[in-house]
Structures are given as C-alpha cells and as structure tokens.
Amino acid sequence: MPETSVGEAIANVHAQFSDANLVYGHGTDNAWDEAVALVLSVGGYADDESSLDIVLPEAIQRRVVEIAELRLSSRQPLPYLLGRAQYAGLEFIVRPGVIVPRSPIGFLLPDAVKPWLPVDVTSVIDLCAGSGCLGLLAAHIFPNATVTLVELDDVACEIAQENIALHNLSDRVALVQSDVLKLDGTSAPSLDRADLVLCNPPYVNAQDMATLPPEYQSEPIQSLAAGENGLSLMLPLIAKISGFLKPRGIFIGEVGASAPALIASQSELPLIWLDLPQGGEGVFLLEADALNSHTARQE
C-alpha cells in the first residue's frame, strides 16, 4: 500500500462516504466528522491538527480501509464497527445488541439543569440504562453520588457491566436487571429514592419505525419501538415516577419526536421542556414537588 498520512486517510474516507447513501446520527452528523472519527479511533491518534501529518503504519491503514468498506456495505453505525462510542467526552463499549449512546440528556448535566437540582446530588437512577452511558456520565459529574442502572435486556446488561469496569466505578455504580415498570420504591425489586432519575427509553412511534434507515434498523428494536404513539413505556413510567424520587428530586426523560403526543395526552402535567443546544428533541424535566402537587389535585 502507498504511504498515507492521517490527513490523507481522512480525505480518502470522506470522499468514499460523501459519494455513498449513508445516514449519520450515531456520534457524528456528517461524512467528514465520521471519517475523522474512523481514522483517529483506529489509529488512537489525538483529535488535533498535529496528528494530520503522521504516517499511518500499514496495519492501521489496512484496518481503516476495512472498516470504511464495512461501513459502506453493511450500513451499520460506525461505533458498532469500532466497538467503542465517544459520548459527552467519555468512551463507552458498544456492540450490536445495545443502542449507541447519543441522548441529549448527557449534555444537559449538570449546568443546564442546575437550577432544578438539589444542592448535593448523592443518588442517581438511570432507567432503561442500555450501555450505562447516562448513569456512568452522572457518576463522573456527581462524585458524591451512588448510581443505579436499571436495564432488562441481557446483552445490554452485559455491556453495561463492562462499562462500569471500564470506568472503574464499581464502588459507586450498581446494575439492577429488571423491567422498569415492575420496579418502584415500594415493591420488590425496590430502589431507594433518588435525587436525580434519568430515562432515555424506547420512544419511536410505529409510523417512524416503518421508515427507519438501515443504520437505525441495525440497533435493537426493543430499544427503539414504543407502540403507535411512541409512549408505550413513558406513559406508565410517568404514572409511577414519584415512587423513585426524593421530595426535592427531579426526573429527566426523553421522548424525541413523540413529544407532541406526550403533550397532547398529558396536557395538565407540569412538564418543563428543556433547550437542547447540542441538538436532539423532546427532553423534559419533572420536579417531584410539582408532580406530587399535581397528583394531589387530581385525586
């Protein structure tokens, strides 16, 4: 193979991706950024201009070509082919069978939601945890907090455990394998109430599921599909979320493009819709105090 620099390899991959019918959204949103992510990840190079002139060893060059060809032929998300995903400044293990980390919730912690957070966050629950990315990110951000990841799927639980080990957080992060709708603060299996509860559940409605591009079809259907209106999990979860929260706790949930359906079905609920400067849609916040007051008025 002819000698190739990092910069040249990125340009070559970018040209291939630009000419292909690829869809992005799993850590990058365009062909150039995906080409950069591929080459730098395979080579282990810094995301810095100084890396561009480094000459790729032949083994790295061949691996770059191999993964680029796989990306084009399989239409799998790049993180599946790399085995790792970059999310909110951290790295997580991923592979087919678990959704690729990309929730806008992670970019809201802690600054964007600080006005609603308790002064000292000492407990966090991550419902529908998948790879564990949100809960583990929270463990880094809130160093005094214990974190519980709740996930049902066997493959996702296995990967979440690997990520707990990767981040050396087994002393503060625990995994509970359970259906979140069979779990609350009062019945077995039970959890202590938390200052902060996070949830990025399945929320894609039936119409959108039918038109997903191959990259998203590569992800586990149980992590995406949420019935006709996209709320088959979120609606029953909201009905019991007060059981997970301390009196001044907050719940942050994501429903994406199913937000209008949630607003229509829960028009009286005191939802606070959050701005998402990093992109995405449909992330809301519920305060335990407001939720409890609302529930009391309804009774």
Protein backbone atom coordinates (compact mmCIF):
# COMPACT_ATOMS: atom_id res chain seq x y z
CA MET A 1 0.00 0.00 0.00
CA PRO A 2 1.30 3.51 -0.75
CA GLU A 3 2.39 5.59 2.23
CA THR A 4 -0.57 7.54 3.62
CA SER A 5 -0.80 10.21 6.31
CA VAL A 6 -3.64 10.60 8.78
CA GLY A 7 -4.89 13.64 6.87
CA GLU A 8 -4.82 11.81 3.55
CA ALA A 9 -6.62 8.81 5.03
CA ILE A 10 -9.35 11.07 6.41
CA ALA A 11 -9.74 12.73 3.00
CA ASN A 12 -9.96 9.33 1.28
CA VAL A 13 -12.61 8.03 3.66
CA HIS A 14 -14.53 11.30 3.43
CA ALA A 15 -14.63 11.03 -0.37
CA GLN A 16 -16.00 7.47 -0.14
CA PHE A 17 -18.62 8.39 2.42
CA SER A 18 -19.69 11.55 0.58
CA ASP A 19 -20.44 9.52 -2.54
CA ALA A 20 -22.49 6.95 -0.62
CA ASN A 21 -26.04 6.93 0.67
CA LEU A 22 -25.06 6.82 4.34
CA VAL A 23 -27.11 8.16 7.25
CA TYR A 24 -25.41 9.66 10.29
CA GLY A 25 -26.52 10.35 13.83
CA HIS A 26 -24.55 7.89 15.96
CA GLY A 27 -21.96 10.28 17.31
CA THR A 28 -21.44 12.28 14.11
CA ASP A 29 -23.82 14.06 11.77
CA ASN A 30 -21.84 14.32 8.52
CA ALA A 31 -19.38 12.44 6.32
CA TRP A 32 -16.31 14.49 7.30
CA ASP A 33 -16.74 14.05 11.05
CA GLU A 34 -17.36 10.34 10.58
CA ALA A 35 -14.19 9.98 8.50
CA VAL A 36 -12.23 11.80 11.21
CA ALA A 37 -13.73 9.60 13.92
CA LEU A 38 -12.91 6.42 12.00
CA VAL A 39 -9.26 7.20 11.27
CA LEU A 40 -8.41 8.72 14.65
CA SER A 41 -10.15 5.92 16.55
CA VAL A 42 -8.46 3.12 14.64
CA GLY A 43 -5.05 4.74 14.97
CA GLY A 44 -5.51 6.00 18.51
CA TYR A 45 -4.48 9.49 17.44
CA ALA A 46 -5.39 12.74 19.17
CA ASP A 47 -8.15 14.86 17.68
CA ASP A 48 -5.68 17.62 16.93
CA GLU A 49 -4.22 19.24 13.84
CA SER A 50 -0.78 17.91 14.81
CA SER A 51 -1.99 14.37 14.03
CA LEU A 52 -2.67 15.08 10.36
CA ASP A 53 0.92 14.57 9.15
CA ILE A 54 1.50 11.29 10.99
CA VAL A 55 2.17 8.46 8.55
CA LEU A 56 -0.13 5.51 9.16
CA PRO A 57 1.52 2.14 9.79
CA GLU A 58 0.42 -0.33 7.15
CA ALA A 59 -1.64 -2.39 9.62
CA ILE A 60 -3.58 0.71 10.70
CA GLN A 61 -4.05 1.78 7.11
CA ARG A 62 -5.47 -1.63 6.19
CA ARG A 63 -7.80 -1.55 9.19
CA VAL A 64 -9.09 1.90 8.20
CA VAL A 65 -9.83 0.64 4.69
CA GLU A 66 -11.53 -2.48 6.07
CA ILE A 67 -13.81 -0.57 8.44
CA ALA A 68 -14.67 2.04 5.80
CA GLU A 69 -15.69 -0.74 3.42
CA LEU A 70 -17.77 -2.40 6.16
CA ARG A 71 -19.48 0.89 6.91
CA LEU A 72 -20.42 1.24 3.24
CA SER A 73 -21.54 -2.34 2.70
CA SER A 74 -23.31 -3.09 5.98
CA ARG A 75 -24.73 0.36 6.79
CA GLN A 76 -24.09 -0.39 10.48
CA PRO A 77 -23.37 2.58 12.76
CA LEU A 78 -19.65 3.28 12.96
CA PRO A 79 -19.45 2.68 16.75
CA TYR A 80 -20.53 -0.95 16.21
CA LEU A 81 -17.63 -1.44 13.81
CA LEU A 82 -15.17 0.22 16.20
CA GLY A 83 -16.56 -1.44 19.34
CA ARG A 84 -16.49 1.91 21.12
CA ALA A 85 -18.51 5.13 21.15
CA GLN A 86 -17.49 8.62 22.20
CA TYR A 87 -20.23 10.32 24.16
CA ALA A 88 -20.15 13.57 26.14
CA GLY A 89 -16.36 13.41 26.34
CA LEU A 90 -16.21 9.80 27.56
CA GLU A 91 -15.69 6.46 25.85
CA PHE A 92 -18.09 3.53 26.13
CA ILE A 93 -18.04 -0.05 24.93
CA VAL A 94 -20.79 -0.77 22.40
CA ARG A 95 -21.66 -3.58 20.03
CA PRO A 96 -24.76 -4.83 18.21
CA GLY A 97 -27.48 -5.55 20.72
CA VAL A 98 -27.25 -2.24 22.58
CA ILE A 99 -28.30 1.20 21.41
CA VAL A 100 -25.46 3.58 20.51
CA PRO A 101 -25.08 6.41 23.10
CA ARG A 102 -26.38 9.72 21.75
CA SER A 103 -29.03 11.05 24.14
CA PRO A 104 -29.05 14.86 24.50
CA ILE A 105 -29.66 14.33 28.23
CA GLY A 106 -25.96 13.82 28.86
CA PHE A 107 -25.10 17.26 27.51
CA LEU A 108 -27.52 18.89 29.97
CA LEU A 109 -25.66 17.61 33.05
CA PRO A 110 -25.07 19.40 35.26
CA ASP A 111 -25.16 23.02 34.05
CA ALA A 112 -28.40 23.22 32.06
CA VAL A 113 -30.44 21.56 34.83
CA LYS A 114 -28.60 23.04 37.79
CA PRO A 115 -31.50 25.39 38.75
CA TRP A 116 -33.65 22.34 39.49
CA LEU A 117 -31.04 20.03 41.03
CA PRO A 118 -30.60 19.51 44.76
CA VAL A 119 -27.50 21.27 46.09
CA ASP A 120 -25.74 17.95 46.62
CA VAL A 121 -26.72 15.05 44.38
CA THR A 122 -26.00 11.86 46.32
CA SER A 123 -28.14 9.34 44.43
CA VAL A 124 -28.95 8.80 40.75
CA ILE A 125 -31.09 6.22 38.95
CA ASP A 126 -30.70 5.57 35.23
CA LEU A 127 -33.80 3.75 33.93
CA CYS A 128 -33.61 1.86 30.61
CA ALA A 129 -29.85 2.22 31.01
CA GLY A 130 -28.69 0.35 27.90
CA SER A 131 -24.90 0.60 27.81
CA GLY A 132 -24.99 2.54 31.09
CA CYS A 133 -23.71 5.72 29.47
CA LEU A 134 -26.05 8.20 31.16
CA GLY A 135 -25.65 6.75 34.64
CA LEU A 136 -21.88 6.46 34.31
CA LEU A 137 -21.64 10.00 33.00
CA ALA A 138 -23.67 11.12 36.02
CA ALA A 139 -21.28 9.23 38.30
CA HIS A 140 -18.38 11.24 36.87
CA ILE A 141 -20.25 14.54 37.16
CA PHE A 142 -21.59 13.94 40.68
CA PRO A 143 -18.66 12.41 42.59
CA ASN A 144 -20.64 12.08 45.84
CA ALA A 145 -23.44 10.09 44.21
CA THR A 146 -24.21 6.41 44.12
CA VAL A 147 -25.76 5.37 40.82
CA THR A 148 -28.14 2.54 39.98
CA LEU A 149 -28.50 1.39 36.38
CA VAL A 150 -31.77 -0.39 35.59
CA GLU A 151 -31.89 -2.48 32.42
CA LEU A 152 -33.82 -5.59 31.36
CA ASP A 153 -32.03 -6.88 28.26
CA ASP A 154 -29.30 -9.50 28.81
CA VAL A 155 -26.91 -8.14 26.15
CA ALA A 156 -27.27 -4.55 27.35
CA CYS A 157 -26.69 -5.63 30.95
CA GLU A 158 -23.51 -7.44 29.95
CA ILE A 159 -22.22 -4.35 28.14
CA ALA A 160 -23.24 -2.05 31.00
CA GLN A 161 -21.21 -4.20 33.40
CA GLU A 162 -18.22 -3.93 31.06
CA ASN A 163 -18.60 -0.16 31.02
CA ILE A 164 -18.79 0.01 34.82
CA ALA A 165 -15.46 -1.82 34.90
CA LEU A 166 -14.01 0.31 32.10
CA HIS A 167 -14.72 3.46 34.11
CA ASN A 168 -13.54 1.93 37.42
CA LEU A 169 -16.84 2.82 39.07
CA SER A 170 -17.94 -0.48 40.58
CA ASP A 171 -17.68 1.07 44.05
CA ARG A 172 -20.44 3.61 43.25
CA VAL A 173 -22.39 2.19 40.31
CA ALA A 174 -24.62 -0.88 40.56
CA LEU A 175 -26.71 -2.64 37.94
CA VAL A 176 -30.23 -3.96 38.56
CA GLN A 177 -31.64 -6.23 35.85
CA SER A 178 -35.36 -5.56 35.80
CA ASP A 179 -38.31 -4.33 33.81
CA VAL A 180 -38.61 -0.70 34.91
CA LEU A 181 -42.39 -0.99 35.06
CA LYS A 182 -42.10 -3.78 37.62
CA LEU A 183 -39.75 -1.75 39.77
CA ASP A 184 -40.50 1.03 42.21
CA GLY A 185 -39.59 2.39 45.60
CA THR A 186 -42.07 0.23 47.50
CA SER A 187 -42.14 -3.27 46.00
CA ALA A 188 -39.57 -5.92 45.21
CA PRO A 189 -37.28 -5.43 43.49
CA SER A 190 -37.06 -1.96 45.04
CA LEU A 191 -34.75 1.02 44.89
CA ASP A 192 -34.07 3.79 47.35
CA ARG A 193 -35.44 7.09 46.15
CA ALA A 194 -33.02 9.31 44.26
CA ASP A 195 -32.16 12.98 43.84
CA LEU A 196 -31.97 12.53 40.08
CA VAL A 197 -33.69 9.98 37.85
CA LEU A 198 -32.76 9.77 34.16
CA CYS A 199 -34.57 7.86 31.45
CA ASN A 200 -33.91 7.53 27.72
CA PRO A 201 -36.47 4.80 26.92
CA PRO A 202 -37.76 3.45 23.62
CA TYR A 203 -39.88 6.25 22.11
CA VAL A 204 -40.10 5.73 18.32
CA ASN A 205 -43.69 5.50 17.14
CA ALA A 206 -44.98 2.89 14.70
CA GLN A 207 -45.01 5.22 11.70
CA ASP A 208 -41.39 6.28 12.18
CA MET A 209 -40.27 2.69 12.89
CA ALA A 210 -41.53 1.74 9.43
CA THR A 211 -39.24 4.26 7.74
CA LEU A 212 -36.01 3.92 9.73
CA PRO A 213 -32.83 3.87 7.59
CA PRO A 214 -30.52 0.82 7.79
CA GLU A 215 -28.20 2.43 10.36
CA TYR A 216 -31.06 2.65 12.86
CA GLN A 217 -32.52 -0.71 11.87
CA SER A 218 -29.17 -2.17 13.00
CA GLU A 219 -30.00 -1.22 16.58
CA PRO A 220 -32.14 -3.48 18.79
CA ILE A 221 -35.82 -2.92 18.08
CA GLN A 222 -36.68 -3.16 21.78
CA SER A 223 -34.55 -0.06 22.39
CA LEU A 224 -36.47 1.98 19.83
CA ALA A 225 -40.06 0.84 19.26
CA ALA A 226 -42.69 2.23 21.65
CA GLY A 227 -46.06 1.49 20.12
CA GLU A 228 -48.42 3.51 17.99
CA ASN A 229 -47.73 6.87 19.67
CA GLY A 230 -44.16 6.26 20.92
CA LEU A 231 -45.23 6.39 24.57
CA SER A 232 -45.93 2.77 25.47
CA LEU A 233 -43.23 2.85 28.13
CA MET A 234 -43.02 6.51 29.09
CA LEU A 235 -46.69 7.00 29.96
CA PRO A 236 -46.91 4.19 32.52
CA LEU A 237 -43.49 5.17 33.85
CA ILE A 238 -44.56 8.76 34.47
CA ALA A 239 -47.55 7.44 36.41
CA LYS A 240 -45.24 5.84 38.94
CA ILE A 241 -42.13 8.06 38.76
CA SER A 242 -42.86 9.81 42.06
CA GLY A 243 -42.02 6.48 43.74
CA PHE A 244 -38.43 6.84 42.52
CA LEU A 245 -37.86 10.44 43.61
CA LYS A 246 -36.83 12.08 46.84
CA PRO A 247 -39.11 15.00 47.86
CA ARG A 248 -36.92 17.53 46.03
CA GLY A 249 -35.69 15.18 43.34
CA ILE A 250 -36.08 15.61 39.60
CA PHE A 251 -36.85 13.30 36.69
CA ILE A 252 -35.36 13.94 33.26
CA GLY A 253 -36.93 11.95 30.43
CA GLU A 254 -36.56 11.80 26.67
CA VAL A 255 -39.32 11.13 24.16
CA GLY A 256 -37.80 12.60 20.98
CA ALA A 257 -40.27 13.16 18.17
CA SER A 258 -43.05 11.71 20.35
CA ALA A 259 -43.08 14.93 22.40
CA PRO A 260 -46.28 16.27 20.76
CA ALA A 261 -48.07 13.03 21.65
CA LEU A 262 -46.94 13.34 25.27
CA ILE A 263 -48.07 16.96 25.46
CA ALA A 264 -51.46 16.04 23.98
CA SER A 265 -52.01 13.14 26.35
CA GLN A 266 -50.65 14.82 29.49
CA SER A 267 -51.66 18.45 29.00
CA GLU A 268 -52.08 19.04 32.74
CA LEU A 269 -48.75 17.52 33.73
CA PRO A 270 -46.16 20.11 34.92
CA LEU A 271 -43.59 19.23 32.26
CA ILE A 272 -40.61 21.54 31.76
CA TRP A 273 -39.26 21.21 28.22
CA LEU A 274 -35.51 21.79 28.07
CA ASP A 275 -33.48 23.63 25.43
CA LEU A 276 -31.05 21.34 23.63
CA PRO A 277 -28.17 23.40 22.23
CA GLN A 278 -26.30 20.25 21.14
CA GLY A 279 -29.26 19.04 19.08
CA GLY A 280 -31.97 16.46 19.57
CA GLU A 281 -35.56 16.95 20.68
CA GLY A 282 -38.13 16.02 23.25
CA VAL A 283 -36.33 16.15 26.62
CA PHE A 284 -38.40 17.19 29.63
CA LEU A 285 -37.96 17.65 33.35
CA LEU A 286 -40.39 16.88 36.15
CA GLU A 287 -39.90 18.13 39.70
CA ALA A 288 -41.04 15.80 42.47
CA ASP A 289 -42.70 18.68 44.35
CA ALA A 290 -44.67 19.80 41.29
CA LEU A 291 -45.55 16.23 40.35
CA ASN A 292 -46.81 15.43 43.84
CA SER A 293 -48.87 18.63 43.94
CA HIS A 294 -50.35 17.80 40.54
CA THR A 295 -51.20 14.26 41.67
CA ALA A 296 -52.84 15.56 44.85
CA ARG A 297 -55.04 17.95 42.82
CA GLN A 298 -56.09 15.11 40.52
CA GLU A 299 -57.24 12.92 43.42
